[in-house]
Protein backbone atom coordinates (compact mmCIF):
# COMPACT_ATOMS: atom_id res chain seq x y z
CA MET A 1 67.81 64.95 -7.74
CA GLU A 2 68.55 61.21 -7.35
CA THR A 3 70.24 60.06 -4.12
CA GLU A 4 71.11 56.58 -2.77
CA GLN A 5 68.62 57.02 0.14
CA ASN A 6 65.72 57.58 -2.17
CA PRO A 7 65.97 55.23 -5.22
CA ILE A 8 63.47 55.58 -8.02
CA LEU A 9 61.08 52.58 -8.29
CA SER A 10 58.84 51.54 -11.08
CA VAL A 11 55.17 51.08 -10.53
CA THR A 12 55.55 47.37 -10.91
CA GLN A 13 58.39 47.34 -8.40
CA ILE A 14 56.37 49.16 -5.76
CA SER A 15 53.35 47.05 -6.45
CA LEU A 16 55.23 43.78 -6.13
CA SER A 17 57.02 45.00 -3.03
CA LEU A 18 53.72 46.01 -1.45
CA LYS A 19 52.22 42.53 -2.47
CA SER A 20 55.05 40.72 -0.78
CA CYS A 21 54.81 42.80 2.37
CA VAL A 22 51.09 42.25 2.73
CA GLU A 23 51.19 38.53 2.12
CA GLN A 24 54.00 38.10 4.63
CA VAL A 25 52.32 40.05 7.39
CA PHE A 26 48.71 38.77 6.67
CA ASN A 27 49.66 35.23 5.60
CA ASN A 28 47.17 33.36 7.88
CA ILE A 29 44.32 35.31 9.13
CA ARG A 30 40.63 34.90 10.19
CA VAL A 31 38.10 37.60 9.40
CA LYS A 32 34.55 37.85 10.47
CA GLY A 33 31.88 39.73 8.44
CA GLU A 34 28.68 39.65 6.58
CA VAL A 35 28.68 38.33 3.02
CA VAL A 36 27.58 40.80 0.28
CA GLY A 37 27.70 40.96 -3.55
CA VAL A 38 28.34 37.25 -4.22
CA LYS A 39 29.23 36.63 -7.83
CA LYS A 40 29.91 33.15 -9.13
CA ALA A 41 32.11 33.20 -12.24
CA ALA A 42 31.84 30.71 -15.10
CA SER A 43 35.40 29.59 -14.18
CA GLY A 44 34.10 28.38 -10.77
CA HIS A 45 35.64 31.20 -8.75
CA VAL A 46 33.45 33.07 -6.30
CA TYR A 47 33.90 36.83 -5.80
CA PHE A 48 32.27 38.60 -2.86
CA SER A 49 32.81 41.12 -0.06
CA LEU A 50 32.99 41.02 3.72
CA LYS A 51 31.63 44.00 5.59
CA ASP A 52 30.94 45.18 9.11
CA THR A 53 29.43 48.45 10.30
CA ASP A 54 32.38 50.63 9.00
CA SER A 55 34.39 48.84 6.37
CA VAL A 56 34.28 46.50 3.37
CA LEU A 57 36.88 43.95 2.39
CA SER A 58 36.97 42.35 -1.16
CA ALA A 59 37.49 38.59 -1.22
CA VAL A 60 37.72 35.76 -3.63
CA CYS A 61 37.39 31.99 -3.17
CA TRP A 62 39.12 29.97 -5.89
CA ARG A 63 37.24 26.99 -7.38
CA GLY A 64 37.76 23.53 -5.81
CA ARG A 65 37.07 24.58 -2.29
CA ASP A 66 35.04 22.25 -0.04
CA LYS A 67 31.28 22.36 -0.14
CA THR A 68 30.88 23.68 3.32
CA THR A 69 32.79 26.78 2.35
CA LEU A 70 30.94 27.33 -0.91
CA ALA A 71 27.65 26.86 0.91
CA ALA A 72 28.60 29.53 3.48
CA LEU A 73 29.14 32.17 0.70
CA GLU A 74 25.57 33.47 0.54
CA ASP A 75 24.41 37.11 0.74
CA GLY A 76 23.47 38.15 4.27
CA LEU A 77 25.21 35.31 6.01
CA GLU A 78 27.70 36.19 8.74
CA ILE A 79 30.77 34.08 8.27
CA ILE A 80 34.27 33.51 9.44
CA CYS A 81 36.89 33.31 6.61
CA THR A 82 40.32 31.72 6.94
CA GLY A 83 43.01 32.75 4.41
CA LYS A 84 45.40 35.47 3.51
CA LEU A 85 45.51 39.03 2.20
CA SER A 86 47.05 39.85 -1.22
CA THR A 87 47.16 42.77 -3.58
CA TYR A 88 46.07 43.11 -7.21
CA PRO A 89 48.71 45.31 -8.88
CA GLY A 90 46.52 45.86 -11.95
CA ARG A 91 44.07 47.95 -9.89
CA SER A 92 46.15 48.93 -6.85
CA ASN A 93 43.73 47.28 -4.41
CA TYR A 94 43.88 44.42 -2.03
CA GLN A 95 41.70 41.46 -1.33
CA MET A 96 41.36 38.42 0.90
CA ILE A 97 41.99 35.04 -0.68
CA VAL A 98 39.62 32.73 1.25
CA GLU A 99 40.67 29.12 1.89
CA LYS A 100 37.84 28.29 4.12
CA ALA A 101 34.56 29.80 5.22
CA GLU A 102 32.04 28.76 7.84
CA PRO A 103 29.02 30.39 9.34
CA ALA A 104 29.74 32.56 12.35
CA GLY A 105 27.67 31.74 15.41
CA ILE A 106 24.47 29.82 16.11
CA GLY A 107 22.29 32.47 14.50
CA ALA A 108 23.99 32.19 11.13
CA LEU A 109 23.89 28.47 11.28
CA LEU A 110 20.28 28.40 12.19
CA LYS A 111 19.43 30.69 9.32
CA LEU A 112 21.35 28.49 6.88
CA LEU A 113 19.78 25.36 8.31
CA ALA A 114 16.21 26.73 7.93
CA GLU A 115 16.92 27.78 4.41
CA ARG A 116 18.48 24.46 3.51
CA LYS A 117 15.73 22.49 5.14
CA GLU A 118 13.04 24.41 3.20
CA LYS A 119 14.86 23.80 -0.05
CA LEU A 120 15.36 20.07 0.39
CA GLU A 121 11.77 19.67 1.63
CA LYS A 122 10.46 21.24 -1.51
CA GLU A 123 12.52 18.77 -3.53
CA GLY A 124 10.67 15.89 -1.73
CA LEU A 125 13.61 14.49 0.19
CA PHE A 126 11.62 14.26 3.43
CA ASP A 127 8.39 12.79 2.05
CA GLU A 128 6.91 10.20 4.37
CA SER A 129 5.65 8.22 1.36
CA LYS A 130 9.24 7.51 0.39
CA LYS A 131 10.17 6.01 3.75
CA LYS A 132 11.35 2.36 3.61
CA GLN A 133 10.37 -0.27 6.12
CA ILE A 134 13.03 -1.32 8.57
CA PRO A 135 13.44 -5.14 8.52
CA TYR A 136 12.21 -6.88 11.61
CA LEU A 137 15.27 -9.06 12.02
CA PRO A 138 18.09 -8.09 9.61
CA ASN A 139 20.87 -10.53 8.89
CA THR A 140 23.52 -7.87 8.41
CA ILE A 141 23.80 -4.39 9.82
CA GLY A 142 26.03 -1.58 8.40
CA VAL A 143 27.21 1.14 10.72
CA VAL A 144 28.63 4.53 9.51
CA THR A 145 30.46 6.22 12.34
CA SER A 146 33.82 6.92 13.86
CA PRO A 147 35.88 3.75 14.61
CA SER A 148 37.02 5.26 17.90
CA GLY A 149 34.89 6.45 20.76
CA ALA A 150 31.91 5.07 22.64
CA VAL A 151 29.43 5.06 19.80
CA ILE A 152 30.44 1.94 18.01
CA ARG A 153 30.99 0.09 21.33
CA ASP A 154 27.58 1.15 22.60
CA ILE A 155 25.94 -0.10 19.41
CA MET A 156 27.74 -3.42 19.47
CA HIS A 157 27.06 -3.93 23.14
CA ARG A 158 23.28 -3.37 22.72
CA LEU A 159 23.09 -5.59 19.56
CA ASN A 160 24.87 -8.49 21.42
CA ASP A 161 22.51 -8.08 24.37
CA ARG A 162 19.46 -8.10 22.24
CA PHE A 163 20.08 -10.26 19.17
CA PRO A 164 23.67 -10.67 17.94
CA ARG A 165 23.97 -9.90 14.24
CA GLN A 166 26.77 -9.53 11.66
CA VAL A 167 27.95 -5.95 11.70
CA TYR A 168 30.00 -4.05 9.16
CA LEU A 169 31.68 -0.75 10.22
CA TRP A 170 32.57 1.88 7.65
CA PRO A 171 34.85 4.25 9.55
CA VAL A 172 34.40 7.99 8.88
CA LEU A 173 35.09 11.34 10.37
CA VAL A 174 31.92 12.61 12.14
CA GLN A 175 33.10 16.21 12.65
CA GLY A 176 35.17 18.84 10.86
CA GLU A 177 36.47 19.29 7.35
CA GLY A 178 35.81 16.36 4.95
CA ALA A 179 33.48 14.64 7.38
CA ALA A 180 30.37 15.14 5.23
CA GLU A 181 32.02 13.81 2.12
CA GLN A 182 33.18 10.69 4.01
CA ILE A 183 29.72 9.99 5.42
CA ALA A 184 28.10 10.36 2.06
CA SER A 185 30.72 8.05 0.38
CA ALA A 186 30.20 5.47 3.11
CA ILE A 187 26.46 5.39 2.53
CA GLN A 188 26.93 5.14 -1.26
CA GLY A 189 29.61 2.44 -0.69
CA PHE A 190 27.24 0.24 1.23
CA ASN A 191 24.58 0.70 -1.47
CA ASN A 192 27.14 -0.26 -4.15
CA ILE A 193 27.54 -3.79 -2.69
CA PRO A 194 25.51 -6.18 -4.95
CA THR A 195 22.51 -7.82 -3.42
CA GLU A 196 24.14 -11.21 -3.75
CA GLY A 197 27.23 -9.90 -1.95
CA ILE A 198 30.93 -9.91 -2.87
CA LYS A 199 32.81 -13.22 -2.71
CA PHE A 200 36.56 -13.07 -2.04
CA GLU A 201 39.26 -15.45 -3.09
CA ASN A 202 39.46 -16.91 0.45
CA GLY A 203 35.77 -17.93 0.19
CA LYS A 204 34.45 -15.21 2.49
CA ILE A 205 31.42 -13.25 1.30
CA LEU A 206 30.87 -9.57 2.01
CA GLN A 207 27.06 -9.36 2.47
CA ARG A 208 25.10 -6.27 1.52
CA PRO A 209 23.62 -4.82 4.77
CA ASP A 210 19.84 -5.09 5.29
CA VAL A 211 19.86 -1.84 7.31
CA LEU A 212 22.31 1.02 7.96
CA ILE A 213 22.88 3.00 11.10
CA VAL A 214 24.40 6.46 10.62
CA ALA A 215 25.54 7.61 14.13
CA ARG A 216 27.65 9.82 16.27
CA GLY A 217 27.69 10.90 19.92
CA GLY A 218 26.61 14.14 21.40
CA GLY A 219 28.27 17.52 20.65
CA SER A 220 27.68 21.16 20.03
CA PHE A 221 25.49 22.49 17.24
CA GLU A 222 28.66 23.22 15.22
CA ASP A 223 30.08 19.72 15.92
CA LEU A 224 26.99 18.10 14.36
CA TRP A 225 26.93 20.36 11.37
CA CYS A 226 28.30 17.83 8.91
CA PHE A 227 25.02 15.93 9.31
CA ASN A 228 23.17 18.98 7.96
CA GLU A 229 25.31 19.09 4.78
CA GLU A 230 23.40 18.54 1.55
CA VAL A 231 25.73 15.91 0.36
CA VAL A 232 24.89 13.79 3.41
CA VAL A 233 21.13 14.40 3.30
CA ARG A 234 20.93 13.48 -0.44
CA ALA A 235 22.91 10.38 0.16
CA VAL A 236 20.55 9.28 2.94
CA ALA A 237 17.46 10.07 0.84
CA LYS A 238 18.88 8.25 -2.14
CA SER A 239 19.88 5.13 -0.26
CA ASN A 240 18.20 1.86 -1.35
CA ILE A 241 19.05 0.30 1.96
CA PRO A 242 16.81 1.41 4.95
CA ILE A 243 18.64 3.93 7.24
CA ILE A 244 18.32 4.60 10.91
CA SER A 245 19.76 8.01 11.88
CA ALA A 246 21.21 8.31 15.45
CA VAL A 247 23.12 11.63 15.74
CA GLY A 248 23.73 13.27 19.12
CA HIS A 249 21.37 13.22 22.03
CA GLU A 250 17.61 12.91 22.00
CA THR A 251 17.14 16.71 21.91
CA ASP A 252 19.52 17.09 18.87
CA THR A 253 17.99 17.21 15.39
CA THR A 254 19.86 17.23 12.10
CA LEU A 255 18.62 17.20 8.56
CA ILE A 256 19.40 13.57 7.93
CA ASP A 257 16.88 12.78 10.67
CA TYR A 258 14.19 14.01 8.18
CA ALA A 259 15.62 12.07 5.26
CA ALA A 260 16.25 8.77 7.10
CA ASP A 261 13.70 6.01 7.15
CA LEU A 262 13.67 6.05 11.01
CA ARG A 263 15.18 8.36 13.60
CA ALA A 264 16.56 7.03 16.88
CA PRO A 265 17.22 9.31 19.82
CA THR A 266 20.72 7.94 20.49
CA PRO A 267 23.13 5.42 18.91
CA THR A 268 22.09 2.92 21.59
CA GLY A 269 18.48 3.53 20.63
CA ALA A 270 19.30 2.79 17.02
CA ALA A 271 20.62 -0.57 18.00
CA GLU A 272 17.40 -1.27 19.90
CA LYS A 273 15.31 -0.28 16.89
CA ALA A 274 17.44 -2.46 14.47
CA VAL A 275 16.79 -5.80 16.17
CA PRO A 276 14.24 -7.31 18.57
CA VAL A 277 15.20 -8.77 21.97
CA ARG A 278 16.14 -12.39 21.33
CA ALA A 279 14.93 -13.55 24.78
CA GLU A 280 11.66 -11.79 24.31
CA LEU A 281 11.30 -13.33 20.92
CA ILE A 282 11.94 -16.82 22.25
CA LEU A 283 9.42 -16.18 25.02
CA MET A 284 6.86 -14.92 22.50
CA ILE A 285 7.41 -18.09 20.35
CA GLU A 286 6.94 -20.27 23.43
CA GLN A 287 3.79 -18.48 24.34
CA LEU A 288 2.43 -18.89 20.79
CA LYS A 289 3.34 -22.56 20.86
CA ASN A 290 1.46 -23.02 24.17
CA ARG A 291 -1.51 -21.19 22.87
CA ASN A 292 -1.60 -23.35 19.77
CA LEU A 293 -1.40 -26.47 21.86
CA ASP A 294 -4.23 -25.24 24.16
CA ALA A 295 -6.33 -24.42 21.15
CA LEU A 296 -5.68 -27.87 19.68
CA PHE A 297 -6.60 -29.63 22.96
CA ARG A 298 -9.80 -27.55 23.20
CA PHE A 299 -10.66 -28.49 19.64
CA ILE A 300 -10.13 -32.23 20.35
CA ASN A 301 -12.19 -32.10 23.61
CA GLU A 302 -15.02 -30.19 22.04
CA ASN A 303 -15.26 -32.58 19.19
CA LYS A 304 -14.98 -35.58 21.50
CA LEU A 305 -17.95 -34.29 23.43
CA LYS A 306 -19.85 -33.84 20.21
CA LEU A 307 -19.00 -37.38 19.15
CA ASP A 308 -20.17 -38.77 22.54
CA SER A 309 -23.39 -36.85 22.16
CA LEU A 310 -23.94 -38.32 18.71
CA ALA A 311 -23.12 -41.79 20.01
CA ARG A 312 -25.81 -41.44 22.74
CA ALA A 313 -28.30 -40.14 20.19
CA MET A 314 -27.58 -42.96 17.72
CA PRO A 315 -30.44 -45.42 18.81
CA ARG A 316 -33.05 -42.74 18.71
CA LEU A 317 -31.60 -41.58 15.38
CA ASN A 318 -31.98 -45.12 13.99
CA GLU A 319 -35.64 -45.24 15.06
CA LEU A 320 -36.23 -41.80 13.31
CA ILE A 321 -34.45 -43.11 10.16
CA ASN A 322 -36.58 -46.33 10.10
CA LEU A 323 -39.79 -44.32 10.67
CA PHE A 324 -38.77 -41.98 7.92
CA PHE A 325 -38.17 -44.83 5.45
CA GLU A 326 -41.58 -46.44 6.37
CA LYS A 327 -43.30 -43.15 5.58
CA LEU A 328 -41.28 -42.80 2.41
CA ASP A 329 -42.28 -46.37 1.25
CA ASP A 330 -45.95 -45.61 1.96
CA LYS A 331 -45.85 -42.28 0.00
CA THR A 332 -43.91 -44.03 -2.81
CA GLU A 333 -46.54 -46.71 -3.26
CA ARG A 334 -49.38 -44.23 -3.14
CA LEU A 335 -47.64 -42.04 -5.64
CA SER A 336 -47.04 -45.05 -7.90
CA ASN A 337 -50.69 -46.01 -7.79
CA SER A 338 -51.77 -42.50 -8.59
CA ILE A 339 -49.41 -42.33 -11.62
CA LYS A 340 -50.77 -45.64 -12.90
CA THR A 341 -54.39 -44.49 -12.54
CA TYR A 342 -53.58 -41.24 -14.25
CA TYR A 343 -51.90 -42.92 -17.28
CA THR A 344 -54.69 -45.66 -17.56
CA THR A 345 -57.39 -42.97 -17.62
CA HIS A 346 -55.76 -40.88 -20.24
CA GLU A 347 -54.72 -43.90 -22.35
CA ASN A 348 -58.41 -45.03 -22.53
CA LYS A 349 -59.46 -41.47 -23.39
CA LEU A 350 -56.88 -41.25 -26.12
CA ASP A 351 -57.93 -44.62 -27.66
CA PHE A 352 -61.62 -43.49 -27.67
CA LEU A 353 -60.71 -40.31 -29.43
CA SER A 354 -58.59 -42.14 -32.05
CA LYS A 355 -61.43 -44.55 -32.91
CA LEU A 356 -63.84 -41.54 -33.14
CA LEU A 357 -61.48 -39.78 -35.46
CA GLN A 358 -61.10 -42.81 -37.56
CA SER A 359 -64.85 -43.23 -37.92
CA TYR A 360 -65.09 -39.69 -39.27
CA SER A 361 -62.29 -40.14 -41.81
CA TYR A 362 -63.19 -40.07 -45.57
CA LYS A 363 -61.24 -43.22 -45.93
CA SER A 364 -63.87 -45.12 -44.04
CA VAL A 365 -66.50 -43.88 -46.40
CA LEU A 366 -64.51 -44.96 -49.49
CA GLU A 367 -64.12 -48.45 -47.98
CA ARG A 368 -67.93 -48.69 -47.92
CA GLY A 369 -68.05 -48.35 -51.72
CA PHE A 370 -68.09 -44.63 -52.25
CA SER A 371 -65.58 -42.68 -54.40
CA LEU A 372 -64.18 -39.18 -54.42
CA ALA A 373 -63.60 -36.98 -57.51
CA LEU A 374 -60.50 -34.79 -57.41
CA ASP A 375 -58.92 -32.42 -59.90
CA LYS A 376 -55.27 -32.37 -60.83
CA GLU A 377 -54.48 -30.08 -57.94
CA GLY A 378 -56.13 -32.35 -55.49
CA ASN A 379 -59.23 -30.19 -54.88
CA ILE A 380 -62.59 -32.02 -54.43
CA ILE A 381 -65.10 -31.91 -57.44
CA SER A 382 -68.38 -31.76 -55.81
CA SER A 383 -70.75 -31.37 -58.84
CA GLY A 384 -71.19 -32.74 -62.36
CA LYS A 385 -70.91 -29.23 -63.81
CA GLN A 386 -67.45 -28.96 -62.25
CA ALA A 387 -66.58 -32.36 -63.81
CA GLU A 388 -67.74 -31.18 -67.31
CA GLU A 389 -65.48 -28.25 -67.15
CA LYS A 390 -62.41 -30.47 -66.69
CA ASN A 391 -60.76 -32.25 -69.54
CA SER A 392 -59.70 -34.86 -67.08
CA PHE A 393 -59.83 -35.61 -63.36
CA PHE A 394 -59.21 -38.33 -60.85
CA ILE A 395 -61.53 -40.70 -59.05
CA ARG A 396 -60.32 -41.79 -55.63
CA PHE A 397 -61.30 -45.26 -54.44
CA SER A 398 -60.47 -46.83 -51.26
CA ASP A 399 -57.50 -48.72 -52.69
CA LYS A 400 -56.24 -46.51 -55.56
CA LYS A 401 -56.69 -43.28 -57.61
CA VAL A 402 -57.93 -43.62 -61.23
CA SER A 403 -57.48 -40.89 -63.98
CA VAL A 404 -60.59 -40.15 -66.06
CA SER A 405 -60.65 -38.20 -69.39
CA THR A 406 -63.93 -36.38 -70.46
CA ASN A 407 -62.74 -35.38 -74.06
CA ASN A 408 -64.96 -32.31 -73.67
CA GLN A 409 -64.39 -29.37 -76.14
CA PRO A 410 -65.78 -25.88 -75.90
CA GLU A 411 -69.20 -25.35 -77.71
CA LYS A 412 -67.91 -22.78 -80.23
CA ASN A 413 -65.14 -25.02 -81.44
CA ILE A 414 -67.68 -27.83 -82.03
CA LYS A 415 -69.85 -25.61 -84.22
CA LYS A 416 -66.88 -24.46 -86.26
CA THR A 417 -65.84 -27.98 -86.83
CA LYS A 418 -69.27 -29.02 -88.12
CA GLN A 419 -69.49 -25.99 -90.48
CA LYS A 420 -66.10 -26.96 -91.93
CA GLU A 421 -67.25 -30.45 -92.42
CA ASN A 422 -70.40 -29.32 -94.33
CA LYS A 423 -68.38 -27.10 -96.66
CA THR A 424 -65.81 -29.69 -97.55
CA SER A 425 -68.40 -32.65 -97.93
CA GLN A 426 -69.42 -33.39 -101.62
CA GLY A 427 -71.87 -36.06 -100.68
CA ASN A 428 -72.13 -39.72 -101.70
CA LEU A 429 -72.37 -40.32 -105.47
CA PHE A 430 -74.66 -43.35 -104.83
CA GLY A 431 -76.95 -41.36 -102.50
CA GLU A 432 -75.33 -42.76 -99.39
């Protein structure tokens, strides 16, 4: 039976009423628990649960949250979530809508740090072979740090003491939400400056830094956490400008220390590593100049002594030279006589052999009245029988060669000719 004290509500009405009540009461809460069952949807939302020893709380983190929050949503990691409770009428359950999540305690942070370091190390972001050389004396230095506080003052003070340089400050947050993104953007911003610089309308030029210092003062492990974020580490490793990291105190170590080209124990130490001491440099130059002058004077004195020694030895040297030329003249004359004797002897011998060869020549025989029979091929005919066998041949005299014809015919042909003549002859009618 319906009464005014007990109105009848629809399912939707009670669900909406309950949703409103829960969200009003638990509008801004912080919950600590272990992350389990992480599921990343294609939409970008992350669904998971928080649990402790006795209970489990469903949770969701809508897409677009900061990277620190998303990185903390890993199975097994103990975190602290900030957000509100709400209900889901379609299933009659409640869940926490997480606005921000961060590791709970040093233990969780150390676990996350170790896992992240191993991951980035495998990617080669910490390779020593990729480290760039810090310039000995940079013209321009870029500093990424907070504009307030002692860090930038300490850096400037030490730079001015050692070797004043042009310094550009890119102010950033160095702690808390959004700090990692600002630091990464500052590093990238310095790298985006062209190598030739940016010239403004007033004629001033914004030079690209030769080296960067990323720094902050000391703080707790949690305070320095932004320098462990992937976005910062990757920006440091990707930088084309050499980077000196100087975060915290000497005992503090962050992941950008591994990615940087050089690590300094403190911001002041970074300034010391960025530039030499001007006074020491001047002293060193002066010492080098004095050493060069000393070396030059020693060289001059040593060579002067050598010249003096040569001058003293010059008379004796002249005597040796004259003696040498006398011996050379004597040997030259003896050698000339030997050469003349050698050529005269061999010239006489050659003349004798030439006359002897001429006396044996057949031409000399021909000049004495003899002759030489030769066939057409130039071969010598040495007998009359050989001459009879030739129709013609040559006789070589001393002055010329004469052709001779024998008119010889073979014997058989002669007989046949005679027989033919006998047969055709009729004799003489008068007996002749």
